Amino acid sequence: MPRNSSSFRQGEILLLELPFTDYLGKKLRPVLVASSNELNGISNDLIVLKIT
């Protein structure tokens, strides 16, 4: 069951399916939640950074 962005906390590490650069496939990759907890509470968008 998907969670809304308000249930994610800044600094949390998640696994998301990210597309390849040619958009022909995708792979499960770790990301870091960069958006603030305040923004997560009022927005449906989530700002994340890829961890490589």
Protein backbone atom coordinates (compact mmCIF):
# COMPACT_ATOMS: atom_id res chain seq x y z
CA MET A 1 0.00 0.00 0.00
CA PRO A 2 1.58 3.34 -1.04
CA ARG A 3 2.23 5.95 1.62
CA ASN A 4 1.59 9.66 1.13
CA SER A 5 4.56 12.01 1.34
CA SER A 6 3.65 13.15 4.87
CA SER A 7 4.62 9.73 6.24
CA PHE A 8 8.22 10.09 4.99
CA ARG A 9 10.77 11.86 7.19
CA GLN A 10 13.76 13.95 6.10
CA GLY A 11 16.93 11.81 6.22
CA GLU A 12 15.05 8.53 5.75
CA ILE A 13 16.48 6.05 3.23
CA LEU A 14 13.97 4.43 0.86
CA LEU A 15 14.08 1.96 -1.99
CA LEU A 16 12.41 3.29 -5.16
CA GLU A 17 12.15 2.00 -8.71
CA LEU A 18 14.19 4.46 -10.77
CA PRO A 19 14.15 4.44 -14.58
CA PHE A 20 17.26 3.93 -16.68
CA THR A 21 18.39 6.95 -18.70
CA ASP A 22 16.89 5.46 -21.88
CA TYR A 23 13.56 4.82 -20.03
CA LEU A 24 13.50 1.23 -21.35
CA GLY A 25 13.74 -0.31 -17.90
CA LYS A 26 13.93 0.42 -14.20
CA LYS A 27 15.70 -0.89 -11.14
CA LEU A 28 15.18 -0.74 -7.38
CA ARG A 29 17.67 1.79 -5.96
CA PRO A 30 18.27 3.49 -2.58
CA VAL A 31 17.37 7.18 -2.22
CA LEU A 32 17.64 9.71 0.62
CA VAL A 33 14.62 11.89 1.46
CA ALA A 34 15.86 15.50 1.13
CA SER A 35 12.58 17.42 1.46
CA SER A 36 11.80 18.83 4.91
CA ASN A 37 9.25 17.23 7.20
CA GLU A 38 7.17 20.42 6.96
CA LEU A 39 7.10 20.25 3.15
CA ASN A 40 6.29 16.53 3.25
CA GLY A 41 3.29 17.33 5.45
CA ILE A 42 1.72 19.83 3.03
CA SER A 43 2.76 18.50 -0.39
CA ASN A 44 2.15 15.34 -2.39
CA ASP A 45 5.65 15.67 -3.87
CA LEU A 46 8.76 14.16 -2.33
CA ILE A 47 12.30 15.37 -3.05
CA VAL A 48 14.84 12.55 -2.97
CA LEU A 49 18.53 12.12 -3.84
CA LYS A 50 19.95 9.00 -5.49
CA ILE A 51 22.51 7.12 -3.43
CA THR A 52 25.21 5.70 -5.69
